[in-house]
Amino acid sequence: MASLRELKNQFLEYIEIEKGRSQKTVENYDHYLTRFLGFIKNDNPENINDAVIREFRLWLNKQPGIYKKTERGTLNKKTQNYYLISIRAFLKYLARQDVKSMPAEKIELVKVGERPLDLITSEELRRLLLSPKSQDLKDLRDKAILELLFSTGLRVSELCSLASNIDLNSEELSIRGKGEKIRVVFISPEAKNAMKEYLKARKDMSEALFVAIPNQISKNKKVEDLKGLDKRSIERIVKQHAIKAGISKKVTPHVLRHMFATDLLSNGADIRSVQAMLGHANIGTTQIYTHVTDKHLRDVHKKFHNMK
């Protein structure tokens, strides 16, 4: 019988090749499972049982977090769940391979409180989108980034993957999202105009849509090839314009994704359509937005809650 470590490697190959998971996802599963297997110090899958999982959960709850800590400095519940989700996925794989081990469904996740949404007001959003004011290439690029994020609800990784040969004659854009799934997003007139102005000002030959711009580019010096922006660079750009717009809250590209979803729901969009546009596999993920957008409940409260 193959050892747990050999089975783990087979599982990682399976989720990468057959399930089409991203390299980052595979690395995360590898990290969580390696820590788990290092804890149990056993190579026999039959020895994974309730007692082992209980001991691991107790150990995990006492571990100091390098990031995502609780107030007492240990791993928070959400991060602990990442470990448990990885173990469950691994056990499901073992069951499909007819390897005897603990049933995956016996592992329950840690109960996590409802995650508060990071939102800004409509006025703050307006100021953010108007922050890039000049006609130099950097501001034209930043304007296009902000407008496209709000128009489409793209994840920042999806934004970084876009190519400069984007077809702006169409109002639709096909995106390859999580799990290599294709979905269609829609470009608003404001985003389309911002994109056209930005691309018209580009003088380089880079294939990336959004590129890092050295100072000399702003002075109209031609550069043949520029490096595409990564996630951290996009996050810095959004943060800089939030500060420039006088917004004291932490603003990230994901906040614009939240604003995209709440804007749609507030204006009457059905949740299934919003789920499709966000690329959520599970509608439960989309439902985090409903409690802040349900105008009907507010109207009922105003109409009927009058004890005077």
Protein backbone atom coordinates (compact mmCIF):
# COMPACT_ATOMS: atom_id res chain seq x y z
CA MET A 1 0.00 0.00 0.00
CA ALA A 2 1.21 3.51 -0.84
CA SER A 3 2.25 5.73 2.06
CA LEU A 4 0.29 8.83 3.01
CA ARG A 5 3.02 11.04 1.59
CA GLU A 6 2.92 9.20 -1.72
CA LEU A 7 -0.87 9.45 -1.74
CA LYS A 8 -0.64 13.17 -0.95
CA ASN A 9 1.58 13.71 -4.01
CA GLN A 10 -0.85 11.72 -6.16
CA PHE A 11 -3.70 13.85 -4.82
CA LEU A 12 -1.87 17.09 -5.67
CA GLU A 13 -1.26 15.83 -9.22
CA TYR A 14 -4.95 14.89 -9.45
CA ILE A 15 -6.28 18.32 -8.46
CA GLU A 16 -3.81 20.09 -10.74
CA ILE A 17 -4.22 17.95 -13.86
CA GLU A 18 -7.71 16.44 -13.67
CA LYS A 19 -9.49 19.11 -11.61
CA GLY A 20 -7.69 22.04 -13.23
CA ARG A 21 -6.84 23.83 -9.98
CA SER A 22 -4.42 26.75 -10.14
CA GLN A 23 -0.80 26.40 -9.08
CA LYS A 24 -1.50 28.59 -6.05
CA THR A 25 -4.36 26.32 -4.95
CA VAL A 26 -2.15 23.24 -5.31
CA GLU A 27 0.56 24.94 -3.24
CA ASN A 28 -1.97 25.76 -0.51
CA TYR A 29 -3.24 22.16 -0.36
CA ASP A 30 0.36 20.97 -0.20
CA HIS A 31 1.12 23.33 2.69
CA TYR A 32 -1.92 22.35 4.77
CA LEU A 33 -1.59 18.61 4.16
CA THR A 34 2.16 18.60 4.82
CA ARG A 35 1.57 20.17 8.22
CA PHE A 36 -1.17 17.65 8.95
CA LEU A 37 0.93 14.64 7.96
CA GLY A 38 3.87 16.05 9.92
CA PHE A 39 1.64 16.24 12.99
CA ILE A 40 0.26 12.70 12.86
CA LYS A 41 3.72 11.16 12.19
CA ASN A 42 2.13 8.11 10.55
CA ASP A 43 2.17 6.86 6.98
CA ASN A 44 -0.82 4.53 7.16
CA PRO A 45 -4.11 6.07 5.87
CA GLU A 46 -6.10 3.62 8.00
CA ASN A 47 -4.74 5.35 11.11
CA ILE A 48 -6.53 8.62 10.31
CA ASN A 49 -9.51 8.51 12.66
CA ASP A 50 -11.68 10.66 14.93
CA ALA A 51 -9.08 10.75 17.70
CA VAL A 52 -6.28 11.87 15.36
CA ILE A 53 -8.43 14.62 13.86
CA ARG A 54 -9.51 15.79 17.32
CA GLU A 55 -5.89 15.97 18.51
CA PHE A 56 -4.89 17.86 15.35
CA ARG A 57 -7.71 20.37 15.82
CA LEU A 58 -6.65 21.00 19.41
CA TRP A 59 -3.04 21.42 18.30
CA LEU A 60 -4.07 23.71 15.44
CA ASN A 61 -6.13 25.90 17.75
CA LYS A 62 -3.04 26.58 19.86
CA GLN A 63 -0.68 27.42 17.01
CA PRO A 64 0.63 30.98 16.71
CA GLY A 65 -0.44 32.50 13.43
CA ILE A 66 2.09 34.01 11.07
CA TYR A 67 -0.84 35.84 9.53
CA LYS A 68 -4.62 35.96 9.98
CA LYS A 69 -4.35 35.82 13.76
CA THR A 70 -7.02 36.16 16.39
CA GLU A 71 -6.66 38.73 19.16
CA ARG A 72 -4.78 36.18 21.25
CA GLY A 73 -2.28 35.58 18.46
CA THR A 74 -3.39 32.12 17.33
CA LEU A 75 -4.67 31.02 13.94
CA ASN A 76 -8.17 32.33 13.38
CA LYS A 77 -11.09 30.01 12.68
CA LYS A 78 -11.19 30.73 8.98
CA THR A 79 -7.55 29.71 8.58
CA GLN A 80 -8.11 26.57 10.68
CA ASN A 81 -10.92 25.66 8.30
CA TYR A 82 -8.51 25.79 5.36
CA TYR A 83 -6.64 22.88 6.97
CA LEU A 84 -9.84 20.91 7.56
CA ILE A 85 -11.11 21.55 4.01
CA SER A 86 -7.81 20.27 2.63
CA ILE A 87 -7.97 17.12 4.77
CA ARG A 88 -11.57 16.48 3.71
CA ALA A 89 -10.67 16.85 0.03
CA PHE A 90 -7.75 14.45 0.51
CA LEU A 91 -9.94 11.88 2.27
CA LYS A 92 -12.53 12.09 -0.53
CA TYR A 93 -9.74 11.39 -3.00
CA LEU A 94 -8.62 8.37 -0.96
CA ALA A 95 -12.18 7.02 -0.95
CA ARG A 96 -12.34 7.34 -4.77
CA GLN A 97 -9.09 5.39 -4.98
CA ASP A 98 -10.54 2.67 -2.70
CA VAL A 99 -7.96 3.48 -0.02
CA LYS A 100 -9.39 2.69 3.39
CA SER A 101 -9.38 5.70 5.72
CA MET A 102 -11.70 7.97 7.69
CA PRO A 103 -14.87 9.17 5.85
CA ALA A 104 -14.43 12.81 4.85
CA GLU A 105 -17.96 13.79 5.93
CA LYS A 106 -17.12 13.04 9.56
CA ILE A 107 -14.90 16.15 9.69
CA GLU A 108 -16.94 19.21 10.61
CA LEU A 109 -15.64 22.70 9.98
CA VAL A 110 -15.13 25.27 12.72
CA LYS A 111 -18.13 27.55 13.09
CA VAL A 112 -17.21 30.98 11.78
CA GLY A 113 -19.23 34.13 12.40
CA GLU A 114 -20.71 35.92 9.42
CA ARG A 115 -17.98 37.83 7.63
CA PRO A 116 -18.59 41.58 7.60
CA LEU A 117 -18.43 43.14 4.16
CA ASP A 118 -15.82 45.75 3.42
CA LEU A 119 -17.85 48.50 1.77
CA ILE A 120 -17.50 52.18 1.02
CA THR A 121 -20.30 54.68 0.51
CA SER A 122 -21.60 55.72 -2.90
CA GLU A 123 -19.99 59.12 -2.43
CA GLU A 124 -16.64 57.54 -1.54
CA LEU A 125 -16.91 55.31 -4.61
CA ARG A 126 -17.58 58.33 -6.79
CA ARG A 127 -14.52 60.12 -5.41
CA LEU A 128 -12.38 57.03 -5.89
CA LEU A 129 -13.36 56.63 -9.55
CA LEU A 130 -12.68 60.33 -10.16
CA SER A 131 -9.30 60.28 -8.42
CA PRO A 132 -7.13 59.71 -11.54
CA LYS A 133 -7.58 63.15 -13.15
CA SER A 134 -4.61 63.82 -15.42
CA GLN A 135 -4.08 62.73 -19.00
CA ASP A 136 -0.68 61.14 -18.41
CA LEU A 137 -0.40 57.41 -19.04
CA LYS A 138 -0.33 56.40 -15.38
CA ASP A 139 -3.58 58.15 -14.54
CA LEU A 140 -5.22 56.90 -17.73
CA ARG A 141 -4.18 53.37 -16.74
CA ASP A 142 -5.38 53.79 -13.15
CA LYS A 143 -8.72 55.21 -14.32
CA ALA A 144 -9.19 52.19 -16.60
CA ILE A 145 -8.32 49.80 -13.74
CA LEU A 146 -10.79 51.35 -11.30
CA GLU A 147 -13.63 51.62 -13.80
CA LEU A 148 -13.12 48.07 -15.07
CA LEU A 149 -13.05 46.61 -11.54
CA PHE A 150 -16.32 48.31 -10.64
CA SER A 151 -17.95 47.58 -13.99
CA THR A 152 -17.20 43.86 -14.04
CA GLY A 153 -16.61 42.70 -10.45
CA LEU A 154 -13.43 40.96 -11.59
CA ARG A 155 -11.10 39.33 -9.10
CA VAL A 156 -7.73 41.06 -9.09
CA SER A 157 -6.05 37.91 -10.46
CA GLU A 158 -8.51 37.92 -13.35
CA LEU A 159 -7.77 41.57 -14.04
CA CYS A 160 -4.02 40.86 -14.14
CA SER A 161 -4.54 38.09 -16.71
CA LEU A 162 -6.18 40.34 -19.32
CA ALA A 163 -4.36 40.93 -22.61
CA SER A 164 -3.92 44.23 -24.42
CA ASN A 165 -5.72 42.94 -27.54
CA ILE A 166 -9.06 43.22 -25.71
CA ASP A 167 -12.01 43.82 -28.05
CA LEU A 168 -13.61 47.10 -27.03
CA ASN A 169 -16.16 46.95 -29.85
CA SER A 170 -18.02 44.44 -27.70
CA GLU A 171 -19.71 45.14 -24.38
CA GLU A 172 -18.93 41.60 -23.22
CA LEU A 173 -15.70 40.04 -22.01
CA SER A 174 -15.01 36.33 -21.52
CA ILE A 175 -13.04 35.62 -18.34
CA ARG A 176 -11.32 32.43 -17.25
CA GLY A 177 -11.87 32.41 -13.50
CA LYS A 178 -11.37 30.00 -10.62
CA GLY A 179 -11.24 26.35 -11.59
CA GLU A 180 -10.59 27.39 -15.22
CA LYS A 181 -14.31 28.17 -15.59
CA ILE A 182 -15.30 30.65 -18.29
CA ARG A 183 -17.87 33.35 -17.56
CA VAL A 184 -19.03 36.51 -19.28
CA VAL A 185 -18.74 39.95 -17.69
CA PHE A 186 -19.99 43.25 -19.05
CA ILE A 187 -18.12 46.51 -19.62
CA SER A 188 -19.95 49.74 -18.79
CA PRO A 189 -19.70 52.78 -21.12
CA GLU A 190 -17.54 54.53 -18.49
CA ALA A 191 -15.14 51.60 -18.31
CA LYS A 192 -15.05 51.26 -22.09
CA ASN A 193 -14.20 54.93 -22.57
CA ALA A 194 -11.48 54.77 -19.91
CA MET A 195 -10.01 51.67 -21.58
CA LYS A 196 -10.01 53.31 -25.01
CA GLU A 197 -8.24 56.43 -23.72
CA TYR A 198 -5.64 54.31 -21.95
CA LEU A 199 -4.94 52.00 -24.89
CA LYS A 200 -4.78 54.93 -27.32
CA ALA A 201 -2.00 56.43 -25.18
CA ARG A 202 0.01 53.18 -25.04
CA LYS A 203 3.16 53.18 -27.20
CA ASP A 204 4.64 49.85 -26.11
CA MET A 205 4.30 46.35 -27.52
CA SER A 206 3.48 44.52 -24.28
CA GLU A 207 0.83 41.80 -24.43
CA ALA A 208 -0.43 42.60 -20.92
CA LEU A 209 -3.40 44.94 -20.65
CA PHE A 210 -2.22 46.73 -17.52
CA VAL A 211 1.50 47.42 -17.34
CA ALA A 212 4.00 49.00 -14.99
CA ILE A 213 4.87 52.45 -16.32
CA PRO A 214 8.34 53.92 -15.68
CA ASN A 215 8.52 57.68 -15.22
CA GLN A 216 9.84 58.25 -18.73
CA ILE A 217 6.70 56.77 -20.28
CA SER A 218 4.68 59.60 -18.82
CA LYS A 219 6.95 61.92 -20.80
CA ASN A 220 6.00 60.17 -24.05
CA LYS A 221 9.25 58.24 -24.46
CA LYS A 222 8.60 55.00 -26.32
CA VAL A 223 9.37 51.69 -24.66
CA GLU A 224 8.97 48.51 -26.68
CA ASP A 225 7.97 46.16 -23.88
CA LEU A 226 6.58 46.79 -20.42
CA LYS A 227 6.00 44.36 -17.56
CA GLY A 228 2.43 43.43 -16.70
CA LEU A 229 1.14 44.50 -13.29
CA ASP A 230 0.80 41.83 -10.60
CA LYS A 231 -1.81 41.60 -7.84
CA ARG A 232 0.24 43.57 -5.32
CA SER A 233 0.75 46.40 -7.82
CA ILE A 234 -2.98 46.65 -8.51
CA GLU A 235 -3.66 46.66 -4.77
CA ARG A 236 -1.17 49.52 -4.28
CA ILE A 237 -2.77 51.54 -7.08
CA VAL A 238 -6.26 51.18 -5.57
CA LYS A 239 -4.93 52.06 -2.11
CA GLN A 240 -3.10 55.17 -3.37
CA HIS A 241 -6.20 56.52 -5.09
CA ALA A 242 -8.37 55.78 -2.05
CA ILE A 243 -6.01 57.89 0.07
CA LYS A 244 -5.98 60.59 -2.61
CA ALA A 245 -9.81 60.55 -2.60
CA GLY A 246 -9.84 61.12 1.16
CA ILE A 247 -11.20 57.70 2.08
CA SER A 248 -10.03 56.66 5.54
CA LYS A 249 -11.19 53.02 5.22
CA LYS A 250 -8.98 50.29 3.80
CA VAL A 251 -9.87 49.99 0.12
CA THR A 252 -8.76 47.03 -1.97
CA PRO A 253 -9.71 45.68 -5.41
CA HIS A 254 -12.01 43.24 -3.59
CA VAL A 255 -13.92 46.17 -2.09
CA LEU A 256 -14.78 47.24 -5.65
CA ARG A 257 -15.97 43.67 -6.30
CA HIS A 258 -18.20 43.99 -3.21
CA MET A 259 -19.51 47.35 -4.46
CA PHE A 260 -20.25 45.82 -7.87
CA ALA A 261 -22.37 43.08 -6.29
CA THR A 262 -24.22 45.29 -3.82
CA ASP A 263 -24.93 47.85 -6.54
CA LEU A 264 -26.57 45.19 -8.71
CA LEU A 265 -28.64 43.74 -5.87
CA SER A 266 -29.66 47.18 -4.58
CA ASN A 267 -31.04 48.01 -8.00
CA GLY A 268 -33.13 44.86 -8.28
CA ALA A 269 -30.85 42.24 -9.86
CA ASP A 270 -31.67 38.66 -8.91
CA ILE A 271 -29.12 36.80 -6.86
CA ARG A 272 -28.62 33.99 -9.41
CA SER A 273 -27.55 36.51 -12.06
CA VAL A 274 -25.16 38.17 -9.63
CA GLN A 275 -23.76 34.75 -8.73
CA ALA A 276 -23.04 34.08 -12.41
CA MET A 277 -21.38 37.46 -12.96
CA LEU A 278 -19.17 37.06 -9.88
CA GLY A 279 -18.22 33.51 -10.85
CA HIS A 280 -19.28 32.01 -7.52
CA ALA A 281 -19.58 28.21 -7.62
CA ASN A 282 -21.89 28.24 -4.58
CA ILE A 283 -24.79 30.65 -4.23
CA GLY A 284 -24.16 30.69 -0.48
CA THR A 285 -21.06 32.77 -1.20
CA THR A 286 -23.18 35.34 -3.05
CA GLN A 287 -25.75 35.50 -0.28
CA ILE A 288 -23.36 37.42 2.00
CA TYR A 289 -24.42 40.51 0.05
CA THR A 290 -28.17 40.22 0.51
CA HIS A 291 -28.46 41.49 4.08
CA VAL A 292 -27.09 44.90 3.10
CA THR A 293 -29.14 45.30 -0.05
CA ASP A 294 -32.65 44.13 0.73
CA LYS A 295 -34.68 47.28 0.02
CA HIS A 296 -37.91 45.35 0.36
CA LEU A 297 -37.29 44.57 4.03
CA ARG A 298 -36.37 48.19 4.72
CA ASP A 299 -39.59 49.32 3.05
CA VAL A 300 -41.64 46.84 5.10
CA HIS A 301 -39.96 48.06 8.29
CA LYS A 302 -40.68 51.71 7.51
CA LYS A 303 -44.28 50.98 6.54
CA PHE A 304 -45.29 48.75 9.45
CA HIS A 305 -42.95 49.58 12.33
CA ASN A 306 -44.72 52.60 13.79
CA MET A 307 -45.61 52.32 17.47
CA LYS A 308 -46.36 56.02 17.98
